[in-house]
Amino acid sequence: MTPWHLRLLGTTLLVCAIATGAIFAGAQRARDAGIEVAETSRLVRESETVVQGEPTEVEMPEDAVVESEGSVIAMTTSEFRHQPRLEKDDRTRLEQFGWSDRVAEGCAVWVSVARQMLYLIEDNLIIWQAACSTAANGVGSEFESFKTPLGWHRVMQKVGDGAPWGQEFKSRRPTRTIWKPGDESPEDMVLTRILVLEGLEPGQNRGHNAAGVCVDSTTRGIYIHGTNGEALIGTPASHGCVRLTNDDMITAFDLIAKGTLVLITE
């Protein structure tokens, strides 16, 4: 699905509509579809709330119908996702790594080791985010260090499309094991889906460093993958990979295309 982005209050048409309290006849359809169109400046759909009154960007799925009543915007759709803009400090930090030069207004992944968070970003909007788990040993690139490598990568391969939830993989191949919560298992299992990472910075996460030591992320087997250690998500606990819960891994797999750039920072 190609997301459309609606800049609320960002166009003259919408500003005029709000300023004049324009009422579109479709508002009743929003109510009929289960969206509450309130008299206040707040729209509630199920458990999600978007506060009106300042420029906001939201994803516009293909089945979306946008309607307005006074200062309230209602969107009838099977999906509704508020997309926050990156904070200024985060934009500044990403620019230190050449984000605009590499990504421009495209889509890329940022993994923050400090926050233990994975962000999917497009045009400075956070399209999707999830807690993750990077290495218990910290950051680093040397072979058998069991550390998470920093710097620019790309998704070179996607493994596990259509596999069962909890499917175990070894050497990127499915085994006969389908893990379930409560199963006794080794400490670190690669489950459900895999995004194989390729380092893009020679000497840092690609090839060998100045001392001749292998720092190649692909050779080291650095992935984004589902895990049996879901209880540890949000804390550094992996052997070098970026772990997600299995539910989040399925979502990430569906959202992140092969070739997508991935930046890992401290």
C-alpha atoms as a PDB file:
ATOM      1  CA  MET A   1       0.000   0.000   0.000  1.00  0.00           C
ATOM      2  CA  THR A   2       1.376   3.432  -0.897  1.00  0.00           C
ATOM      3  CA  PRO A   3       0.586   5.841   1.986  1.00  0.00           C
ATOM      4  CA  TRP A   4      -0.867   9.250   1.215  1.00  0.00           C
ATOM      5  CA  HIS A   5      -0.129  11.982   3.696  1.00  0.00           C
ATOM      6  CA  LEU A   6      -2.747  14.553   4.652  1.00  0.00           C
ATOM      7  CA  ARG A   7      -1.339  17.710   6.255  1.00  0.00           C
ATOM      8  CA  LEU A   8      -4.194  18.810   8.508  1.00  0.00           C
ATOM      9  CA  LEU A   9      -4.394  22.585   8.605  1.00  0.00           C
ATOM     10  CA  GLY A  10      -1.548  22.561   6.118  1.00  0.00           C
ATOM     11  CA  THR A  11      -3.490  23.586   3.033  1.00  0.00           C
ATOM     12  CA  THR A  12      -5.487  26.715   2.329  1.00  0.00           C
ATOM     13  CA  LEU A  13      -8.606  24.699   1.593  1.00  0.00           C
ATOM     14  CA  LEU A  14      -8.573  22.973   4.947  1.00  0.00           C
ATOM     15  CA  VAL A  15      -7.744  26.116   6.888  1.00  0.00           C
ATOM     16  CA  CYS A  16     -10.656  27.896   5.247  1.00  0.00           C
ATOM     17  CA  ALA A  17     -12.966  24.980   5.988  1.00  0.00           C
ATOM     18  CA  ILE A  18     -12.046  25.052   9.658  1.00  0.00           C
ATOM     19  CA  ALA A  19     -12.125  28.820   9.898  1.00  0.00           C
ATOM     20  CA  THR A  20     -15.634  28.985   8.521  1.00  0.00           C
ATOM     21  CA  GLY A  21     -16.899  25.968  10.407  1.00  0.00           C
ATOM     22  CA  ALA A  22     -17.794  24.304   7.136  1.00  0.00           C
ATOM     23  CA  ILE A  23     -19.927  21.201   7.473  1.00  0.00           C
ATOM     24  CA  PHE A  24     -19.707  18.401   4.968  1.00  0.00           C
ATOM     25  CA  ALA A  25     -22.732  16.194   4.522  1.00  0.00           C
ATOM     26  CA  GLY A  26     -20.590  13.053   4.864  1.00  0.00           C
ATOM     27  CA  ALA A  27     -20.074  13.499   8.602  1.00  0.00           C
ATOM     28  CA  GLN A  28     -23.084  11.306   9.317  1.00  0.00           C
ATOM     29  CA  ARG A  29     -21.450   8.496   7.372  1.00  0.00           C
ATOM     30  CA  ALA A  30     -18.496   8.753   9.750  1.00  0.00           C
ATOM     31  CA  ARG A  31     -20.851   8.270  12.692  1.00  0.00           C
ATOM     32  CA  ASP A  32     -22.539   5.357  10.965  1.00  0.00           C
ATOM     33  CA  ALA A  33     -19.122   3.763  10.452  1.00  0.00           C
ATOM     34  CA  GLY A  34     -18.424   3.892  14.181  1.00  0.00           C
ATOM     35  CA  ILE A  35     -16.356   7.060  14.305  1.00  0.00           C
ATOM     36  CA  GLU A  36     -17.418   9.551  16.931  1.00  0.00           C
ATOM     37  CA  VAL A  37     -17.526  13.082  15.559  1.00  0.00           C
ATOM     38  CA  ALA A  38     -17.466  15.171  18.716  1.00  0.00           C
ATOM     39  CA  GLU A  39     -18.406  18.782  19.322  1.00  0.00           C
ATOM     40  CA  THR A  40     -14.985  19.300  20.902  1.00  0.00           C
ATOM     41  CA  SER A  41     -11.687  19.388  19.004  1.00  0.00           C
ATOM     42  CA  ARG A  42     -11.064  15.678  19.349  1.00  0.00           C
ATOM     43  CA  LEU A  43     -11.824  12.688  17.159  1.00  0.00           C
ATOM     44  CA  VAL A  44     -12.075   9.247  18.715  1.00  0.00           C
ATOM     45  CA  ARG A  45     -12.082   6.005  16.773  1.00  0.00           C
ATOM     46  CA  GLU A  46     -12.031   2.928  18.925  1.00  0.00           C
ATOM     47  CA  SER A  47      -9.006   3.397  21.230  1.00  0.00           C
ATOM     48  CA  GLU A  48      -7.089   5.900  19.102  1.00  0.00           C
ATOM     49  CA  THR A  49      -7.334   9.654  19.555  1.00  0.00           C
ATOM     50  CA  VAL A  50      -5.944  12.418  17.382  1.00  0.00           C
ATOM     51  CA  VAL A  51      -5.915  15.865  18.935  1.00  0.00           C
ATOM     52  CA  GLN A  52      -6.749  18.650  16.529  1.00  0.00           C
ATOM     53  CA  GLY A  53      -5.491  22.216  16.610  1.00  0.00           C
ATOM     54  CA  GLU A  54      -1.942  21.954  15.282  1.00  0.00           C
ATOM     55  CA  PRO A  55      -0.417  20.645  12.026  1.00  0.00           C
ATOM     56  CA  THR A  56      -0.402  16.868  12.096  1.00  0.00           C
ATOM     57  CA  GLU A  57       0.393  14.236   9.512  1.00  0.00           C
ATOM     58  CA  VAL A  58      -1.542  11.003   9.211  1.00  0.00           C
ATOM     59  CA  GLU A  59      -1.402   8.071   6.841  1.00  0.00           C
ATOM     60  CA  MET A  60      -4.138   7.965   4.224  1.00  0.00           C
ATOM     61  CA  PRO A  61      -4.875   4.356   3.285  1.00  0.00           C
ATOM     62  CA  GLU A  62      -6.416   3.708  -0.093  1.00  0.00           C
ATOM     63  CA  ASP A  63      -9.858   3.052   1.418  1.00  0.00           C
ATOM     64  CA  ALA A  64      -9.915   6.312   3.376  1.00  0.00           C
ATOM     65  CA  VAL A  65     -12.743   8.851   3.119  1.00  0.00           C
ATOM     66  CA  VAL A  66     -11.988  12.162   4.824  1.00  0.00           C
ATOM     67  CA  GLU A  67     -14.844  14.341   6.024  1.00  0.00           C
ATOM     68  CA  SER A  68     -14.992  17.459   8.165  1.00  0.00           C
ATOM     69  CA  GLU A  69     -17.504  18.960  10.579  1.00  0.00           C
ATOM     70  CA  GLY A  70     -16.413  22.289  11.984  1.00  0.00           C
ATOM     71  CA  SER A  71     -13.030  21.787  13.638  1.00  0.00           C
ATOM     72  CA  VAL A  72     -13.228  17.992  13.619  1.00  0.00           C
ATOM     73  CA  ILE A  73     -11.777  15.798  10.902  1.00  0.00           C
ATOM     74  CA  ALA A  74     -13.235  12.303  10.563  1.00  0.00           C
ATOM     75  CA  MET A  75     -11.597   9.572   8.519  1.00  0.00           C
ATOM     76  CA  THR A  76     -13.576   6.466   7.696  1.00  0.00           C
ATOM     77  CA  THR A  77     -11.145   3.683   6.918  1.00  0.00           C
ATOM     78  CA  SER A  78     -10.133   0.219   8.003  1.00  0.00           C
ATOM     79  CA  GLU A  79      -6.897   1.724   9.321  1.00  0.00           C
ATOM     80  CA  PHE A  80      -6.043   4.878  11.242  1.00  0.00           C
ATOM     81  CA  ARG A  81      -2.514   5.648  12.294  1.00  0.00           C
ATOM     82  CA  HIS A  82      -1.236   8.882  13.761  1.00  0.00           C
ATOM     83  CA  GLN A  83       2.211   9.548  12.361  1.00  0.00           C
ATOM     84  CA  PRO A  84       4.303  11.793  14.598  1.00  0.00           C
ATOM     85  CA  ARG A  85       7.052  13.882  13.047  1.00  0.00           C
ATOM     86  CA  LEU A  86      10.606  13.289  14.208  1.00  0.00           C
ATOM     87  CA  GLU A  87      11.677  15.592  17.002  1.00  0.00           C
ATOM     88  CA  LYS A  88      14.160  18.281  16.067  1.00  0.00           C
ATOM     89  CA  ASP A  89      16.922  16.669  18.155  1.00  0.00           C
ATOM     90  CA  ASP A  90      16.365  13.346  16.396  1.00  0.00           C
ATOM     91  CA  ARG A  91      16.489  14.981  12.972  1.00  0.00           C
ATOM     92  CA  THR A  92      19.729  16.695  13.938  1.00  0.00           C
ATOM     93  CA  ARG A  93      21.190  13.422  15.171  1.00  0.00           C
ATOM     94  CA  LEU A  94      20.261  11.558  12.000  1.00  0.00           C
ATOM     95  CA  GLU A  95      21.768  14.315   9.882  1.00  0.00           C
ATOM     96  CA  GLN A  96      25.091  13.644  11.605  1.00  0.00           C
ATOM     97  CA  PHE A  97      25.037  10.313   9.780  1.00  0.00           C
ATOM     98  CA  GLY A  98      24.004  11.802   6.429  1.00  0.00           C
ATOM     99  CA  TRP A  99      20.370  10.717   6.597  1.00  0.00           C
ATOM    100  CA  SER A 100      19.135  13.251   4.025  1.00  0.00           C
ATOM    101  CA  ASP A 101      21.932  12.443   1.607  1.00  0.00           C
ATOM    102  CA  ARG A 102      21.243   8.714   1.748  1.00  0.00           C
ATOM    103  CA  VAL A 103      17.487   8.596   2.294  1.00  0.00           C
ATOM    104  CA  ALA A 104      16.165  11.986   1.125  1.00  0.00           C
ATOM    105  CA  GLU A 105      12.343  11.744   1.442  1.00  0.00           C
ATOM    106  CA  GLY A 106      12.370   7.968   1.071  1.00  0.00           C
ATOM    107  CA  CYS A 107      11.774   5.262   3.650  1.00  0.00           C
ATOM    108  CA  ALA A 108      14.469   3.886   5.952  1.00  0.00           C
ATOM    109  CA  VAL A 109      14.894   2.210   9.341  1.00  0.00           C
ATOM    110  CA  TRP A 110      16.575   3.726  12.371  1.00  0.00           C
ATOM    111  CA  VAL A 111      17.601   1.447  15.255  1.00  0.00           C
ATOM    112  CA  SER A 112      18.452   3.379  18.422  1.00  0.00           C
ATOM    113  CA  VAL A 113      20.537   1.256  20.768  1.00  0.00           C
ATOM    114  CA  ALA A 114      20.203   3.827  23.555  1.00  0.00           C
ATOM    115  CA  ARG A 115      16.405   3.688  23.384  1.00  0.00           C
ATOM    116  CA  GLN A 116      16.115   0.036  22.368  1.00  0.00           C
ATOM    117  CA  MET A 117      13.699   1.157  19.667  1.00  0.00           C
ATOM    118  CA  LEU A 118      13.284   0.533  15.949  1.00  0.00           C
ATOM    119  CA  TYR A 119      11.700   3.277  13.841  1.00  0.00           C
ATOM    120  CA  LEU A 120      10.483   3.135  10.236  1.00  0.00           C
ATOM    121  CA  ILE A 121      10.799   6.690   8.923  1.00  0.00           C
ATOM    122  CA  GLU A 122       9.570   8.308   5.732  1.00  0.00           C
ATOM    123  CA  ASP A 123      10.000  12.018   4.961  1.00  0.00           C
ATOM    124  CA  ASN A 124      10.707  12.743   8.654  1.00  0.00           C
ATOM    125  CA  LEU A 125       7.527  10.941   9.735  1.00  0.00           C
ATOM    126  CA  ILE A 126       7.604   7.913  12.007  1.00  0.00           C
ATOM    127  CA  ILE A 127       5.542   5.469   9.965  1.00  0.00           C
ATOM    128  CA  TRP A 128       5.901   2.644  12.502  1.00  0.00           C
ATOM    129  CA  GLN A 129       7.912   1.928  15.626  1.00  0.00           C
ATOM    130  CA  ALA A 130       8.548  -0.954  17.971  1.00  0.00           C
ATOM    131  CA  ALA A 131      10.649  -1.786  21.002  1.00  0.00           C
ATOM    132  CA  CYS A 132      13.621  -3.985  20.157  1.00  0.00           C
ATOM    133  CA  SER A 133      16.566  -5.717  21.798  1.00  0.00           C
ATOM    134  CA  THR A 134      20.158  -5.239  20.691  1.00  0.00           C
ATOM    135  CA  ALA A 135      23.280  -6.973  21.996  1.00  0.00           C
ATOM    136  CA  ALA A 136      23.873  -7.653  25.668  1.00  0.00           C
ATOM    137  CA  ASN A 137      27.573  -7.052  24.946  1.00  0.00           C
ATOM    138  CA  GLY A 138      26.967  -3.565  23.632  1.00  0.00           C
ATOM    139  CA  VAL A 139      27.980  -2.194  20.242  1.00  0.00           C
ATOM    140  CA  GLY A 140      30.816  -3.314  18.012  1.00  0.00           C
ATOM    141  CA  SER A 141      31.548  -4.990  14.720  1.00  0.00           C
ATOM    142  CA  GLU A 142      34.300  -7.553  15.231  1.00  0.00           C
ATOM    143  CA  PHE A 143      33.605 -11.168  14.346  1.00  0.00           C
ATOM    144  CA  GLU A 144      32.483 -13.284  17.336  1.00  0.00           C
ATOM    145  CA  SER A 145      32.211 -10.209  19.556  1.00  0.00           C
ATOM    146  CA  PHE A 146      28.445 -10.800  19.891  1.00  0.00           C
ATOM    147  CA  LYS A 147      27.955  -7.055  19.660  1.00  0.00           C
ATOM    148  CA  THR A 148      25.523  -5.029  17.544  1.00  0.00           C
ATOM    149  CA  PRO A 149      27.249  -3.227  14.667  1.00  0.00           C
ATOM    150  CA  LEU A 150      26.735   0.492  14.180  1.00  0.00           C
ATOM    151  CA  GLY A 151      26.327   2.450  10.973  1.00  0.00           C
ATOM    152  CA  TRP A 152      24.539   2.111   7.670  1.00  0.00           C
ATOM    153  CA  HIS A 153      23.175  -1.218   6.467  1.00  0.00           C
ATOM    154  CA  ARG A 154      20.591  -2.341   3.978  1.00  0.00           C
ATOM    155  CA  VAL A 155      18.110  -5.203   3.958  1.00  0.00           C
ATOM    156  CA  MET A 156      19.770  -7.599   1.523  1.00  0.00           C
ATOM    157  CA  GLN A 157      17.363 -10.518   1.963  1.00  0.00           C
ATOM    158  CA  LYS A 158      13.964 -11.262   3.457  1.00  0.00           C
ATOM    159  CA  VAL A 159      13.408 -14.772   4.799  1.00  0.00           C
ATOM    160  CA  GLY A 160      10.257 -16.451   6.069  1.00  0.00           C
ATOM    161  CA  ASP A 161       7.409 -14.959   4.063  1.00  0.00           C
ATOM    162  CA  GLY A 162       4.273 -16.885   5.018  1.00  0.00           C
ATOM    163  CA  ALA A 163       6.011 -18.963   7.700  1.00  0.00           C
ATOM    164  CA  PRO A 164       4.032 -19.841  10.849  1.00  0.00           C
ATOM    165  CA  TRP A 165       4.298 -17.604  13.893  1.00  0.00           C
ATOM    166  CA  GLY A 166       7.233 -18.960  15.924  1.00  0.00           C
ATOM    167  CA  GLN A 167       8.898 -20.822  13.035  1.00  0.00           C
ATOM    168  CA  GLU A 168      12.539 -21.471  13.916  1.00  0.00           C
ATOM    169  CA  PHE A 169      15.286 -20.751  11.400  1.00  0.00           C
ATOM    170  CA  LYS A 170      18.870 -21.945  11.369  1.00  0.00           C
ATOM    171  CA  SER A 171      21.259 -20.600   8.759  1.00  0.00           C
ATOM    172  CA  ARG A 172      18.200 -18.833   7.293  1.00  0.00           C
ATOM    173  CA  ARG A 173      16.445 -22.154   6.687  1.00  0.00           C
ATOM    174  CA  PRO A 174      13.295 -23.295   8.506  1.00  0.00           C
ATOM    175  CA  THR A 175      13.621 -26.190  10.935  1.00  0.00           C
ATOM    176  CA  ARG A 176      10.895 -28.542  12.130  1.00  0.00           C
ATOM    177  CA  THR A 177      10.472 -26.490  15.295  1.00  0.00           C
ATOM    178  CA  ILE A 178       7.564 -24.100  15.776  1.00  0.00           C
ATOM    179  CA  TRP A 179       8.190 -22.303  19.044  1.00  0.00           C
ATOM    180  CA  LYS A 180       5.297 -21.376  21.331  1.00  0.00           C
ATOM    181  CA  PRO A 181       5.345 -19.232  24.485  1.00  0.00           C
ATOM    182  CA  GLY A 182       6.132 -21.472  27.443  1.00  0.00           C
ATOM    183  CA  ASP A 183       8.233 -23.916  25.424  1.00  0.00           C
ATOM    184  CA  GLU A 184      11.629 -24.737  26.873  1.00  0.00           C
ATOM    185  CA  SER A 185      14.198 -23.567  24.362  1.00  0.00           C
ATOM    186  CA  PRO A 186      17.789 -22.430  23.897  1.00  0.00           C
ATOM    187  CA  GLU A 187      18.616 -18.906  24.948  1.00  0.00           C
ATOM    188  CA  ASP A 188      18.631 -17.382  21.463  1.00  0.00           C
ATOM    189  CA  MET A 189      16.332 -18.615  18.701  1.00  0.00           C
ATOM    190  CA  VAL A 190      15.773 -16.927  15.339  1.00  0.00           C
ATOM    191  CA  LEU A 191      12.019 -17.027  14.834  1.00  0.00           C
ATOM    192  CA  THR A 192       9.116 -16.106  12.536  1.00  0.00           C
ATOM    193  CA  ARG A 193      10.784 -13.806   9.974  1.00  0.00           C
ATOM    194  CA  ILE A 194      14.289 -12.566   9.141  1.00  0.00           C
ATOM    195  CA  LEU A 195      15.579  -9.354   7.607  1.00  0.00           C
ATOM    196  CA  VAL A 196      19.203 -10.071   6.683  1.00  0.00           C
ATOM    197  CA  LEU A 197      21.443  -7.007   6.991  1.00  0.00           C
ATOM    198  CA  GLU A 198      24.363  -6.060   4.774  1.00  0.00           C
ATOM    199  CA  GLY A 199      26.869  -3.496   6.028  1.00  0.00           C
ATOM    200  CA  LEU A 200      27.548  -0.544   3.726  1.00  0.00           C
ATOM    201  CA  GLU A 201      30.570   1.018   5.427  1.00  0.00           C
ATOM    202  CA  PRO A 202      33.903  -0.674   4.613  1.00  0.00           C
ATOM    203  CA  GLY A 203      36.044  -1.185   7.673  1.00  0.00           C
ATOM    204  CA  GLN A 204      33.152  -0.545  10.045  1.00  0.00           C
ATOM    205  CA  ASN A 205      30.461  -3.086   9.183  1.00  0.00           C
ATOM    206  CA  ARG A 206      31.642  -4.387   5.808  1.00  0.00           C
ATOM    207  CA  GLY A 207      34.712  -6.454   4.960  1.00  0.00           C
ATOM    208  CA  HIS A 208      37.664  -6.160   7.351  1.00  0.00           C
ATOM    209  CA  ASN A 209      38.930  -3.358   9.557  1.00  0.00           C
ATOM    210  CA  ALA A 210      42.422  -1.815   9.485  1.00  0.00           C
ATOM    211  CA  ALA A 211      43.737  -4.630  11.686  1.00  0.00           C
ATOM    212  CA  GLY A 212      42.468  -7.249   9.251  1.00  0.00           C
ATOM    213  CA  VAL A 213      39.674  -8.428  11.540  1.00  0.00           C
ATOM    214  CA  CYS A 214      36.346  -9.342   9.945  1.00  0.00           C
ATOM    215  CA  VAL A 215      33.686  -6.751  10.722  1.00  0.00           C
ATOM    216  CA  ASP A 216      31.279  -7.787   7.974  1.00  0.00           C
ATOM    217  CA  SER A 217      27.690  -7.772   9.239  1.00  0.00           C
ATOM    218  CA  THR A 218      26.483 -10.335   6.698  1.00  0.00           C
ATOM    219  CA  THR A 219      29.319 -12.736   7.523  1.00  0.00           C
ATOM    220  CA  ARG A 220      28.568 -12.250  11.217  1.00  0.00           C
ATOM    221  CA  GLY A 221      24.905 -13.168  10.627  1.00  0.00           C
ATOM    222  CA  ILE A 222      23.396  -9.869  11.774  1.00  0.00           C
ATOM    223  CA  TYR A 223      19.623  -9.924  11.332  1.00  0.00           C
ATOM    224  CA  ILE A 224      16.445  -8.255  12.451  1.00  0.00           C
ATOM    225  CA  HIS A 225      14.380 -11.235  13.629  1.00  0.00           C
ATOM    226  CA  GLY A 226      11.704 -12.573  15.938  1.00  0.00           C
ATOM    227  CA  THR A 227      12.739 -14.155  19.210  1.00  0.00           C
ATOM    228  CA  ASN A 228      11.839 -16.555  21.991  1.00  0.00           C
ATOM    229  CA  GLY A 229      13.117 -13.924  24.422  1.00  0.00           C
ATOM    230  CA  GLU A 230      10.114 -11.650  24.078  1.00  0.00           C
ATOM    231  CA  ALA A 231      10.158 -10.814  27.786  1.00  0.00           C
ATOM    232  CA  LEU A 232      13.546  -9.136  27.288  1.00  0.00           C
ATOM    233  CA  ILE A 233      12.440  -6.857  24.453  1.00  0.00           C
ATOM    234  CA  GLY A 234      13.308  -3.294  25.404  1.00  0.00           C
ATOM    235  CA  THR A 235      16.588  -4.328  27.035  1.00  0.00           C
ATOM    236  CA  PRO A 236      19.980  -5.232  25.512  1.00  0.00           C
ATOM    237  CA  ALA A 237      19.873  -9.041  25.457  1.00  0.00           C
ATOM    238  CA  SER A 238      20.758 -10.363  21.988  1.00  0.00           C
ATOM    239  CA  HIS A 239      23.961 -11.885  20.637  1.00  0.00           C
ATOM    240  CA  GLY A 240      24.382  -9.046  18.153  1.00  0.00           C
ATOM    241  CA  CYS A 241      21.170  -9.065  16.141  1.00  0.00           C
ATOM    242  CA  VAL A 242      18.190  -6.756  16.515  1.00  0.00           C
ATOM    243  CA  ARG A 243      15.341  -8.720  18.073  1.00  0.00           C
ATOM    244  CA  LEU A 244      11.643  -7.896  17.862  1.00  0.00           C
ATOM    245  CA  THR A 245       8.604  -9.609  19.311  1.00  0.00           C
ATOM    246  CA  ASN A 246       7.218 -12.116  16.843  1.00  0.00           C
ATOM    247  CA  ASP A 247       4.094 -10.051  16.206  1.00  0.00           C
ATOM    248  CA  ASP A 248       6.196  -6.967  15.541  1.00  0.00           C
ATOM    249  CA  MET A 249       8.544  -8.967  13.347  1.00  0.00           C
ATOM    250  CA  ILE A 250       5.672  -9.949  11.062  1.00  0.00           C
ATOM    251  CA  THR A 251       4.630  -6.296  10.811  1.00  0.00           C
ATOM    252  CA  ALA A 252       8.209  -5.168  10.152  1.00  0.00           C
ATOM    253  CA  PHE A 253       8.626  -7.836   7.478  1.00  0.00           C
ATOM    254  CA  ASP A 254       5.497  -6.630   5.698  1.00  0.00           C
ATOM    255  CA  LEU A 255       6.419  -2.945   5.917  1.00  0.00           C
ATOM    256  CA  ILE A 256      10.147  -3.047   5.170  1.00  0.00           C
ATOM    257  CA  ALA A 257      11.115  -3.784   1.586  1.00  0.00           C
ATOM    258  CA  LYS A 258      14.241  -5.514   0.378  1.00  0.00           C
ATOM    259  CA  GLY A 259      16.916  -2.889  -0.188  1.00  0.00           C
ATOM    260  CA  THR A 260      15.632  -0.582   2.573  1.00  0.00           C
ATOM    261  CA  LEU A 261      18.413   1.301   4.331  1.00  0.00           C
ATOM    262  CA  VAL A 262      18.943   0.635   8.051  1.00  0.00           C
ATOM    263  CA  LEU A 263      20.906   2.985  10.325  1.00  0.00           C
ATOM    264  CA  ILE A 264      22.016   1.664  13.712  1.00  0.00           C
ATOM    265  CA  THR A 265      23.195   4.262  16.235  1.00  0.00           C
ATOM    266  CA  GLU A 266      24.266   4.246  19.845  1.00  0.00           C
END
